[in-house]
Amino acid sequence: MNPMRFFFDRCCPQRLAAIIDAYEDTHSIRHFSDDNRFVQDTPDVDWISVLAADDPAWMVVSMDAHILKKPIERKALEESGLKFFLLGSGWMHMPMHEKA
């Protein structure tokens, strides 16, 4: 199996990415706040384009449903070629160990 890279955006708890990373031996896990290329207020279209240029590609995990409702951000995602996983609102109310 080829290793994959998962990028958790700033709407996902940093702790969630850290827990998954602690258990994961094959795949790379990174949280937005752990990537020194970005500051907290980096616009979505900017970090999306940076991740799209990385090789191998990232798979983005998000809890930000609004990103798909904003035309500019949605277009950036669609054109980026990144795989995008949106964790719905039910995930927000789950205990951390269940999310992981």
PDB file of N, CA and C in Angstrom:
ATOM      1  N   MET A   1       0.844  -1.180   0.000  1.00  0.00           N
ATOM      2  CA  MET A   1       0.000   0.000   0.000  1.00  0.00           C
ATOM      3  C   MET A   1       0.888   1.242   0.000  1.00  0.00           C
ATOM      4  N   ASN A   2       0.581   2.168  -0.891  1.00  0.00           N
ATOM      5  CA  ASN A   2       1.323   3.421  -0.931  1.00  0.00           C
ATOM      6  C   ASN A   2       0.904   4.311   0.231  1.00  0.00           C
ATOM      7  N   PRO A   3       1.867   4.933   0.885  1.00  0.00           N
ATOM      8  CA  PRO A   3       1.512   5.849   1.977  1.00  0.00           C
ATOM      9  C   PRO A   3       0.706   7.035   1.448  1.00  0.00           C
ATOM     10  N   MET A   4      -0.275   7.440   2.206  1.00  0.00           N
ATOM     11  CA  MET A   4      -1.096   8.599   1.859  1.00  0.00           C
ATOM     12  C   MET A   4      -0.823   9.706   2.859  1.00  0.00           C
ATOM     13  N   ARG A   5      -1.187  10.923   2.483  1.00  0.00           N
ATOM     14  CA  ARG A   5      -0.984  12.078   3.346  1.00  0.00           C
ATOM     15  C   ARG A   5      -2.329  12.738   3.616  1.00  0.00           C
ATOM     16  N   PHE A   6      -2.639  12.883   4.890  1.00  0.00           N
ATOM     17  CA  PHE A   6      -3.898  13.482   5.316  1.00  0.00           C
ATOM     18  C   PHE A   6      -3.626  14.812   5.993  1.00  0.00           C
ATOM     19  N   PHE A   7      -4.311  15.845   5.541  1.00  0.00           N
ATOM     20  CA  PHE A   7      -4.158  17.190   6.078  1.00  0.00           C
ATOM     21  C   PHE A   7      -5.470  17.591   6.728  1.00  0.00           C
ATOM     22  N   PHE A   8      -5.435  17.830   8.033  1.00  0.00           N
ATOM     23  CA  PHE A   8      -6.610  18.251   8.784  1.00  0.00           C
ATOM     24  C   PHE A   8      -6.617  19.773   8.830  1.00  0.00           C
ATOM     25  N   ASP A   9      -7.690  20.390   8.330  1.00  0.00           N
ATOM     26  CA  ASP A   9      -7.710  21.849   8.291  1.00  0.00           C
ATOM     27  C   ASP A   9      -7.957  22.437   9.677  1.00  0.00           C
ATOM     28  N   ARG A  10      -7.928  23.755   9.759  1.00  0.00           N
ATOM     29  CA  ARG A  10      -8.006  24.424  11.062  1.00  0.00           C
ATOM     30  C   ARG A  10      -9.360  24.257  11.745  1.00  0.00           C
ATOM     31  N   CYS A  11     -10.374  23.775  11.038  1.00  0.00           N
ATOM     32  CA  CYS A  11     -11.680  23.538  11.661  1.00  0.00           C
ATOM     33  C   CYS A  11     -11.732  22.198  12.392  1.00  0.00           C
ATOM     34  N   CYS A  12     -10.757  21.350  12.153  1.00  0.00           N
ATOM     35  CA  CYS A  12     -10.648  20.079  12.861  1.00  0.00           C
ATOM     36  C   CYS A  12      -9.790  20.296  14.110  1.00  0.00           C
ATOM     37  N   PRO A  13     -10.119  19.640  15.196  1.00  0.00           N
ATOM     38  CA  PRO A  13      -9.285  19.784  16.390  1.00  0.00           C
ATOM     39  C   PRO A  13      -7.865  19.272  16.140  1.00  0.00           C
ATOM     40  N   GLN A  14      -6.903  20.052  16.558  1.00  0.00           N
ATOM     41  CA  GLN A  14      -5.503  19.649  16.416  1.00  0.00           C
ATOM     42  C   GLN A  14      -5.264  18.334  17.156  1.00  0.00           C
ATOM     43  N   ARG A  15      -5.933  18.169  18.269  1.00  0.00           N
ATOM     44  CA  ARG A  15      -5.795  16.955  19.066  1.00  0.00           C
ATOM     45  C   ARG A  15      -6.254  15.726  18.295  1.00  0.00           C
ATOM     46  N   LEU A  16      -7.267  15.876  17.453  1.00  0.00           N
ATOM     47  CA  LEU A  16      -7.747  14.756  16.643  1.00  0.00           C
ATOM     48  C   LEU A  16      -6.651  14.268  15.708  1.00  0.00           C
ATOM     49  N   ALA A  17      -6.018  15.188  15.022  1.00  0.00           N
ATOM     50  CA  ALA A  17      -4.926  14.811  14.119  1.00  0.00           C
ATOM     51  C   ALA A  17      -3.783  14.167  14.895  1.00  0.00           C
ATOM     52  N   ALA A  18      -3.480  14.685  16.080  1.00  0.00           N
ATOM     53  CA  ALA A  18      -2.390  14.134  16.895  1.00  0.00           C
ATOM     54  C   ALA A  18      -2.704  12.710  17.351  1.00  0.00           C
ATOM     55  N   ILE A  19      -3.942  12.452  17.727  1.00  0.00           N
ATOM     56  CA  ILE A  19      -4.337  11.110  18.164  1.00  0.00           C
ATOM     57  C   ILE A  19      -4.214  10.126  17.004  1.00  0.00           C
ATOM     58  N   ILE A  20      -4.730  10.502  15.855  1.00  0.00           N
ATOM     59  CA  ILE A  20      -4.651   9.614  14.686  1.00  0.00           C
ATOM     60  C   ILE A  20      -3.199   9.394  14.296  1.00  0.00           C
ATOM     61  N   ASP A  21      -2.402  10.446  14.330  1.00  0.00           N
ATOM     62  CA  ASP A  21      -0.989  10.329  13.987  1.00  0.00           C
ATOM     63  C   ASP A  21      -0.260   9.386  14.941  1.00  0.00           C
ATOM     64  N   ALA A  22      -0.643   9.403  16.206  1.00  0.00           N
ATOM     65  CA  ALA A  22       0.008   8.534  17.198  1.00  0.00           C
ATOM     66  C   ALA A  22      -0.231   7.055  16.891  1.00  0.00           C
ATOM     67  N   TYR A  23      -1.360   6.738  16.269  1.00  0.00           N
ATOM     68  CA  TYR A  23      -1.691   5.350  15.951  1.00  0.00           C
ATOM     69  C   TYR A  23      -1.285   4.937  14.546  1.00  0.00           C
ATOM     70  N   GLU A  24      -0.980   5.906  13.702  1.00  0.00           N
ATOM     71  CA  GLU A  24      -0.742   5.624  12.288  1.00  0.00           C
ATOM     72  C   GLU A  24       0.739   5.409  12.004  1.00  0.00           C
ATOM     73  N   ASP A  25       1.074   4.248  11.425  1.00  0.00           N
ATOM     74  CA  ASP A  25       2.459   3.933  11.094  1.00  0.00           C
ATOM     75  C   ASP A  25       2.778   4.120   9.610  1.00  0.00           C
ATOM     76  N   THR A  26       1.777   4.046   8.764  1.00  0.00           N
ATOM     77  CA  THR A  26       2.011   4.048   7.324  1.00  0.00           C
ATOM     78  C   THR A  26       1.782   5.412   6.686  1.00  0.00           C
ATOM     79  N   HIS A  27       0.727   6.080   7.075  1.00  0.00           N
ATOM     80  CA  HIS A  27       0.313   7.316   6.429  1.00  0.00           C
ATOM     81  C   HIS A  27       0.767   8.535   7.220  1.00  0.00           C
ATOM     82  N   SER A  28       0.913   9.655   6.525  1.00  0.00           N
ATOM     83  CA  SER A  28       1.302  10.915   7.162  1.00  0.00           C
ATOM     84  C   SER A  28       0.055  11.694   7.558  1.00  0.00           C
ATOM     85  N   ILE A  29       0.099  12.257   8.749  1.00  0.00           N
ATOM     86  CA  ILE A  29      -1.004  13.056   9.271  1.00  0.00           C
ATOM     87  C   ILE A  29      -0.436  14.419   9.640  1.00  0.00           C
ATOM     88  N   ARG A  30      -1.079  15.473   9.170  1.00  0.00           N
ATOM     89  CA  ARG A  30      -0.637  16.819   9.534  1.00  0.00           C
ATOM     90  C   ARG A  30      -1.856  17.682   9.800  1.00  0.00           C
ATOM     91  N   HIS A  31      -1.749  18.531  10.803  1.00  0.00           N
ATOM     92  CA  HIS A  31      -2.797  19.500  11.106  1.00  0.00           C
ATOM     93  C   HIS A  31      -2.360  20.863  10.581  1.00  0.00           C
ATOM     94  N   PHE A  32      -3.312  21.662  10.194  1.00  0.00           N
ATOM     95  CA  PHE A  32      -3.072  23.008   9.681  1.00  0.00           C
ATOM     96  C   PHE A  32      -2.083  23.775  10.556  1.00  0.00           C
ATOM     97  N   SER A  33      -2.291  23.739  11.856  1.00  0.00           N
ATOM     98  CA  SER A  33      -1.450  24.532  12.764  1.00  0.00           C
ATOM     99  C   SER A  33      -0.037  23.969  12.902  1.00  0.00           C
ATOM    100  N   ASP A  34       0.192  22.745  12.433  1.00  0.00           N
ATOM    101  CA  ASP A  34       1.529  22.148  12.481  1.00  0.00           C
ATOM    102  C   ASP A  34       2.326  22.404  11.201  1.00  0.00           C
ATOM    103  N   ASP A  35       1.707  23.052  10.233  1.00  0.00           N
ATOM    104  CA  ASP A  35       2.362  23.327   8.962  1.00  0.00           C
ATOM    105  C   ASP A  35       2.869  24.767   8.993  1.00  0.00           C
ATOM    106  N   ASN A  36       4.173  24.941   9.040  1.00  0.00           N
ATOM    107  CA  ASN A  36       4.740  26.280   9.203  1.00  0.00           C
ATOM    108  C   ASN A  36       4.587  27.164   7.965  1.00  0.00           C
ATOM    109  N   ARG A  37       3.971  26.656   6.931  1.00  0.00           N
ATOM    110  CA  ARG A  37       3.717  27.481   5.745  1.00  0.00           C
ATOM    111  C   ARG A  37       2.496  28.362   5.918  1.00  0.00           C
ATOM    112  N   PHE A  38       1.703  28.086   6.957  1.00  0.00           N
ATOM    113  CA  PHE A  38       0.441  28.797   7.127  1.00  0.00           C
ATOM    114  C   PHE A  38       0.356  29.471   8.493  1.00  0.00           C
ATOM    115  N   VAL A  39      -0.318  30.614   8.523  1.00  0.00           N
ATOM    116  CA  VAL A  39      -0.680  31.265   9.780  1.00  0.00           C
ATOM    117  C   VAL A  39      -2.178  31.070   9.961  1.00  0.00           C
ATOM    118  N   GLN A  40      -2.657  31.328  11.146  1.00  0.00           N
ATOM    119  CA  GLN A  40      -4.056  31.021  11.480  1.00  0.00           C
ATOM    120  C   GLN A  40      -5.055  31.657  10.511  1.00  0.00           C
ATOM    121  N   ASP A  41      -4.751  32.836   9.996  1.00  0.00           N
ATOM    122  CA  ASP A  41      -5.718  33.502   9.124  1.00  0.00           C
ATOM    123  C   ASP A  41      -5.374  33.383   7.636  1.00  0.00           C
ATOM    124  N   THR A  42      -4.584  32.376   7.287  1.00  0.00           N
ATOM    125  CA  THR A  42      -4.303  32.125   5.864  1.00  0.00           C
ATOM    126  C   THR A  42      -5.631  31.843   5.153  1.00  0.00           C
ATOM    127  N   PRO A  43      -5.933  32.575   4.101  1.00  0.00           N
ATOM    128  CA  PRO A  43      -7.190  32.322   3.378  1.00  0.00           C
ATOM    129  C   PRO A  43      -7.257  30.883   2.851  1.00  0.00           C
ATOM    130  N   ASP A  44      -8.455  30.342   2.827  1.00  0.00           N
ATOM    131  CA  ASP A  44      -8.639  28.962   2.372  1.00  0.00           C
ATOM    132  C   ASP A  44      -8.071  28.737   0.977  1.00  0.00           C
ATOM    133  N   VAL A  45      -8.318  29.663   0.058  1.00  0.00           N
ATOM    134  CA  VAL A  45      -7.836  29.464  -1.309  1.00  0.00           C
ATOM    135  C   VAL A  45      -6.310  29.398  -1.352  1.00  0.00           C
ATOM    136  N   ASP A  46      -5.643  30.083  -0.429  1.00  0.00           N
ATOM    137  CA  ASP A  46      -4.174  30.069  -0.411  1.00  0.00           C
ATOM    138  C   ASP A  46      -3.629  28.731   0.057  1.00  0.00           C
ATOM    139  N   TRP A  47      -4.144  28.216   1.195  1.00  0.00           N
ATOM    140  CA  TRP A  47      -3.600  26.933   1.660  1.00  0.00           C
ATOM    141  C   TRP A  47      -4.002  25.796   0.729  1.00  0.00           C
ATOM    142  N   ILE A  48      -5.161  25.912   0.107  1.00  0.00           N
ATOM    143  CA  ILE A  48      -5.581  24.886  -0.856  1.00  0.00           C
ATOM    144  C   ILE A  48      -4.596  24.839  -2.032  1.00  0.00           C
ATOM    145  N   SER A  49      -4.225  26.000  -2.561  1.00  0.00           N
ATOM    146  CA  SER A  49      -3.307  26.012  -3.702  1.00  0.00           C
ATOM    147  C   SER A  49      -1.914  25.527  -3.312  1.00  0.00           C
ATOM    148  N   VAL A  50      -1.467  25.817  -2.106  1.00  0.00           N
ATOM    149  CA  VAL A  50      -0.165  25.327  -1.643  1.00  0.00           C
ATOM    150  C   VAL A  50      -0.192  23.806  -1.539  1.00  0.00           C
ATOM    151  N   LEU A  51      -1.237  23.249  -0.931  1.00  0.00           N
ATOM    152  CA  LEU A  51      -1.335  21.798  -0.795  1.00  0.00           C
ATOM    153  C   LEU A  51      -1.454  21.117  -2.158  1.00  0.00           C
ATOM    154  N   ALA A  52      -2.158  21.759  -3.090  1.00  0.00           N
ATOM    155  CA  ALA A  52      -2.336  21.174  -4.419  1.00  0.00           C
ATOM    156  C   ALA A  52      -1.006  21.052  -5.164  1.00  0.00           C
ATOM    157  N   ALA A  53      -0.061  21.917  -4.837  1.00  0.00           N
ATOM    158  CA  ALA A  53       1.245  21.892  -5.508  1.00  0.00           C
ATOM    159  C   ALA A  53       2.184  20.853  -4.907  1.00  0.00           C
ATOM    160  N   ASP A  54       1.854  20.333  -3.730  1.00  0.00           N
ATOM    161  CA  ASP A  54       2.708  19.337  -3.074  1.00  0.00           C
ATOM    162  C   ASP A  54       2.628  17.993  -3.792  1.00  0.00           C
ATOM    163  N   ASP A  55       3.736  17.271  -3.749  1.00  0.00           N
ATOM    164  CA  ASP A  55       3.774  15.938  -4.338  1.00  0.00           C
ATOM    165  C   ASP A  55       4.467  15.008  -3.349  1.00  0.00           C
ATOM    166  N   PRO A  56       3.823  13.962  -2.906  1.00  0.00           N
ATOM    167  CA  PRO A  56       2.502  13.490  -3.317  1.00  0.00           C
ATOM    168  C   PRO A  56       1.386  14.371  -2.769  1.00  0.00           C
ATOM    169  N   ALA A  57       0.235  14.192  -3.353  1.00  0.00           N
ATOM    170  CA  ALA A  57      -0.922  15.008  -3.009  1.00  0.00           C
ATOM    171  C   ALA A  57      -1.435  14.710  -1.602  1.00  0.00           C
ATOM    172  N   TRP A  58      -2.094  15.688  -1.047  1.00  0.00           N
ATOM    173  CA  TRP A  58      -2.733  15.550   0.268  1.00  0.00           C
ATOM    174  C   TRP A  58      -4.190  15.155   0.098  1.00  0.00           C
ATOM    175  N   MET A  59      -4.731  14.551   1.116  1.00  0.00           N
ATOM    176  CA  MET A  59      -6.166  14.357   1.243  1.00  0.00           C
ATOM    177  C   MET A  59      -6.579  15.263   2.388  1.00  0.00           C
ATOM    178  N   VAL A  60      -7.486  16.172   2.122  1.00  0.00           N
ATOM    179  CA  VAL A  60      -7.889  17.164   3.103  1.00  0.00           C
ATOM    180  C   VAL A  60      -9.086  16.654   3.888  1.00  0.00           C
ATOM    181  N   VAL A  61      -8.986  16.763   5.214  1.00  0.00           N
ATOM    182  CA  VAL A  61     -10.086  16.414   6.111  1.00  0.00           C
ATOM    183  C   VAL A  61     -10.545  17.714   6.753  1.00  0.00           C
ATOM    184  N   SER A  62     -11.840  17.982   6.676  1.00  0.00           N
ATOM    185  CA  SER A  62     -12.365  19.248   7.175  1.00  0.00           C
ATOM    186  C   SER A  62     -13.678  19.036   7.922  1.00  0.00           C
ATOM    187  N   MET A  63     -13.961  19.970   8.801  1.00  0.00           N
ATOM    188  CA  MET A  63     -15.263  20.023   9.467  1.00  0.00           C
ATOM    189  C   MET A  63     -15.956  21.337   9.115  1.00  0.00           C
ATOM    190  N   ASP A  64     -15.475  22.001   8.076  1.00  0.00           N
ATOM    191  CA  ASP A  64     -15.966  23.316   7.668  1.00  0.00           C
ATOM    192  C   ASP A  64     -16.921  23.189   6.491  1.00  0.00           C
ATOM    193  N   ALA A  65     -18.208  23.031   6.790  1.00  0.00           N
ATOM    194  CA  ALA A  65     -19.204  22.903   5.722  1.00  0.00           C
ATOM    195  C   ALA A  65     -19.321  24.187   4.909  1.00  0.00           C
ATOM    196  N   HIS A  66     -18.952  25.310   5.491  1.00  0.00           N
ATOM    197  CA  HIS A  66     -19.057  26.585   4.783  1.00  0.00           C
ATOM    198  C   HIS A  66     -18.094  26.674   3.605  1.00  0.00           C
ATOM    199  N   ILE A  67     -17.009  25.925   3.643  1.00  0.00           N
ATOM    200  CA  ILE A  67     -16.035  25.980   2.554  1.00  0.00           C
ATOM    201  C   ILE A  67     -16.669  25.546   1.234  1.00  0.00           C
ATOM    202  N   LEU A  68     -17.650  24.667   1.307  1.00  0.00           N
ATOM    203  CA  LEU A  68     -18.323  24.208   0.089  1.00  0.00           C
ATOM    204  C   LEU A  68     -19.435  25.153  -0.353  1.00  0.00           C
ATOM    205  N   LYS A  69     -19.817  26.077   0.526  1.00  0.00           N
ATOM    206  CA  LYS A  69     -20.888  27.023   0.201  1.00  0.00           C
ATOM    207  C   LYS A  69     -20.360  28.343  -0.334  1.00  0.00           C
ATOM    208  N   LYS A  70     -19.058  28.558  -0.197  1.00  0.00           N
ATOM    209  CA  LYS A  70     -18.437  29.784  -0.692  1.00  0.00           C
ATOM    210  C   LYS A  70     -17.910  29.498  -2.094  1.00  0.00           C
ATOM    211  N   PRO A  71     -18.418  30.208  -3.095  1.00  0.00           N
ATOM    212  CA  PRO A  71     -18.059  29.896  -4.485  1.00  0.00           C
ATOM    213  C   PRO A  71     -16.556  29.901  -4.774  1.00  0.00           C
ATOM    214  N   ILE A  72     -15.832  30.854  -4.248  1.00  0.00           N
ATOM    215  CA  ILE A  72     -14.392  30.942  -4.541  1.00  0.00           C
ATOM    216  C   ILE A  72     -13.647  29.763  -3.919  1.00  0.00           C
ATOM    217  N   GLU A  73     -13.968  29.429  -2.664  1.00  0.00           N
ATOM    218  CA  GLU A  73     -13.309  28.309  -1.998  1.00  0.00           C
ATOM    219  C   GLU A  73     -13.684  26.986  -2.649  1.00  0.00           C
ATOM    220  N   ARG A  74     -14.953  26.846  -2.978  1.00  0.00           N
ATOM    221  CA  ARG A  74     -15.395  25.601  -3.626  1.00  0.00           C
ATOM    222  C   ARG A  74     -14.688  25.406  -4.973  1.00  0.00           C
ATOM    223  N   LYS A  75     -14.587  26.476  -5.746  1.00  0.00           N
ATOM    224  CA  LYS A  75     -13.911  26.401  -7.038  1.00  0.00           C
ATOM    225  C   LYS A  75     -12.437  26.038  -6.850  1.00  0.00           C
ATOM    226  N   ALA A  76     -11.798  26.639  -5.845  1.00  0.00           N
ATOM    227  CA  ALA A  76     -10.388  26.331  -5.572  1.00  0.00           C
ATOM    228  C   ALA A  76     -10.223  24.848  -5.253  1.00  0.00           C
ATOM    229  N   LEU A  77     -11.125  24.294  -4.451  1.00  0.00           N
ATOM    230  CA  LEU A  77     -11.066  22.864  -4.136  1.00  0.00           C
ATOM    231  C   LEU A  77     -11.271  22.016  -5.382  1.00  0.00           C
ATOM    232  N   GLU A  78     -12.271  22.365  -6.155  1.00  0.00           N
ATOM    233  CA  GLU A  78     -12.573  21.579  -7.358  1.00  0.00           C
ATOM    234  C   GLU A  78     -11.410  21.590  -8.347  1.00  0.00           C
ATOM    235  N   GLU A  79     -10.761  22.725  -8.493  1.00  0.00           N
ATOM    236  CA  GLU A  79      -9.658  22.846  -9.446  1.00  0.00           C
ATOM    237  C   GLU A  79      -8.338  22.302  -8.907  1.00  0.00           C
ATOM    238  N   SER A  80      -8.254  22.129  -7.590  1.00  0.00           N
ATOM    239  CA  SER A  80      -6.998  21.709  -6.961  1.00  0.00           C
ATOM    240  C   SER A  80      -6.642  20.253  -7.236  1.00  0.00           C
ATOM    241  N   GLY A  81      -7.654  19.423  -7.425  1.00  0.00           N
ATOM    242  CA  GLY A  81      -7.413  18.000  -7.581  1.00  0.00           C
ATOM    243  C   GLY A  81      -7.218  17.282  -6.254  1.00  0.00           C
ATOM    244  N   LEU A  82      -7.326  18.004  -5.152  1.00  0.00           N
ATOM    245  CA  LEU A  82      -7.189  17.382  -3.836  1.00  0.00           C
ATOM    246  C   LEU A  82      -8.422  16.540  -3.523  1.00  0.00           C
ATOM    247  N   LYS A  83      -8.215  15.447  -2.835  1.00  0.00           N
ATOM    248  CA  LYS A  83      -9.343  14.679  -2.295  1.00  0.00           C
ATOM    249  C   LYS A  83      -9.799  15.427  -1.050  1.00  0.00           C
ATOM    250  N   PHE A  84     -11.109  15.592  -0.887  1.00  0.00           N
ATOM    251  CA  PHE A  84     -11.653  16.396   0.203  1.00  0.00           C
ATOM    252  C   PHE A  84     -12.705  15.588   0.945  1.00  0.00           C
ATOM    253  N   PHE A  85     -12.501  15.440   2.245  1.00  0.00           N
ATOM    254  CA  PHE A  85     -13.443  14.717   3.095  1.00  0.00           C
ATOM    255  C   PHE A  85     -14.052  15.708   4.076  1.00  0.00           C
ATOM    256  N   LEU A  86     -15.362  15.862   4.020  1.00  0.00           N
ATOM    257  CA  LEU A  86     -16.061  16.754   4.938  1.00  0.00           C
ATOM    258  C   LEU A  86     -16.730  15.909   6.012  1.00  0.00           C
ATOM    259  N   LEU A  87     -16.318  16.128   7.243  1.00  0.00           N
ATOM    260  CA  LEU A  87     -16.943  15.458   8.374  1.00  0.00           C
ATOM    261  C   LEU A  87     -18.142  16.301   8.778  1.00  0.00           C
ATOM    262  N   GLY A  88     -19.335  15.755   8.657  1.00  0.00           N
ATOM    263  CA  GLY A  88     -20.565  16.487   8.921  1.00  0.00           C
ATOM    264  C   GLY A  88     -20.722  16.927  10.360  1.00  0.00           C
ATOM    265  N   SER A  89     -21.777  17.665  10.619  1.00  0.00           N
ATOM    266  CA  SER A  89     -21.993  18.271  11.931  1.00  0.00           C
ATOM    267  C   SER A  89     -22.083  17.236  13.055  1.00  0.00           C
ATOM    268  N   GLY A  90     -22.502  16.025  12.746  1.00  0.00           N
ATOM    269  CA  GLY A  90     -22.568  14.982  13.774  1.00  0.00           C
ATOM    270  C   GLY A  90     -21.219  14.689  14.407  1.00  0.00           C
ATOM    271  N   TRP A  91     -20.149  14.883  13.639  1.00  0.00           N
ATOM    272  CA  TRP A  91     -18.807  14.647  14.163  1.00  0.00           C
ATOM    273  C   TRP A  91     -18.452  15.639  15.260  1.00  0.00           C
ATOM    274  N   MET A  92     -18.998  16.832  15.187  1.00  0.00           N
ATOM    275  CA  MET A  92     -18.650  17.875  16.155  1.00  0.00           C
ATOM    276  C   MET A  92     -19.120  17.534  17.558  1.00  0.00           C
ATOM    277  N   HIS A  93     -20.132  16.721  17.656  1.00  0.00           N
ATOM    278  CA  HIS A  93     -20.713  16.415  18.963  1.00  0.00           C
ATOM    279  C   HIS A  93     -20.231  15.076  19.529  1.00  0.00           C
ATOM    280  N   MET A  94     -19.355  14.410  18.799  1.00  0.00           N
ATOM    281  CA  MET A  94     -18.847  13.117  19.257  1.00  0.00           C
ATOM    282  C   MET A  94     -17.688  13.316  20.230  1.00  0.00           C
ATOM    283  N   PRO A  95     -17.539  12.423  21.199  1.00  0.00           N
ATOM    284  CA  PRO A  95     -16.344  12.471  22.040  1.00  0.00           C
ATOM    285  C   PRO A  95     -15.091  12.250  21.183  1.00  0.00           C
ATOM    286  N   MET A  96     -13.991  12.825  21.608  1.00  0.00           N
ATOM    287  CA  MET A  96     -12.759  12.807  20.814  1.00  0.00           C
ATOM    288  C   MET A  96     -12.322  11.388  20.465  1.00  0.00           C
ATOM    289  N   HIS A  97     -12.418  10.440  21.421  1.00  0.00           N
ATOM    290  CA  HIS A  97     -11.974   9.077  21.130  1.00  0.00           C
ATOM    291  C   HIS A  97     -12.831   8.426  20.050  1.00  0.00           C
ATOM    292  N   GLU A  98     -14.092   8.793  19.943  1.00  0.00           N
ATOM    293  CA  GLU A  98     -14.946   8.249  18.893  1.00  0.00           C
ATOM    294  C   GLU A  98     -14.615   8.881  17.543  1.00  0.00           C
ATOM    295  N   LYS A  99     -14.288  10.172  17.542  1.00  0.00           N
ATOM    296  CA  LYS A  99     -13.892  10.823  16.297  1.00  0.00           C
ATOM    297  C   LYS A  99     -12.648  10.152  15.723  1.00  0.00           C
ATOM    298  N   ALA A 100     -11.679   9.914  16.596  1.00  0.00           N
ATOM    299  CA  ALA A 100     -10.416   9.295  16.156  1.00  0.00           C
ATOM    300  C   ALA A 100     -10.668   7.903  15.636  1.00  0.00           C
TER     301      ALA A 100
END
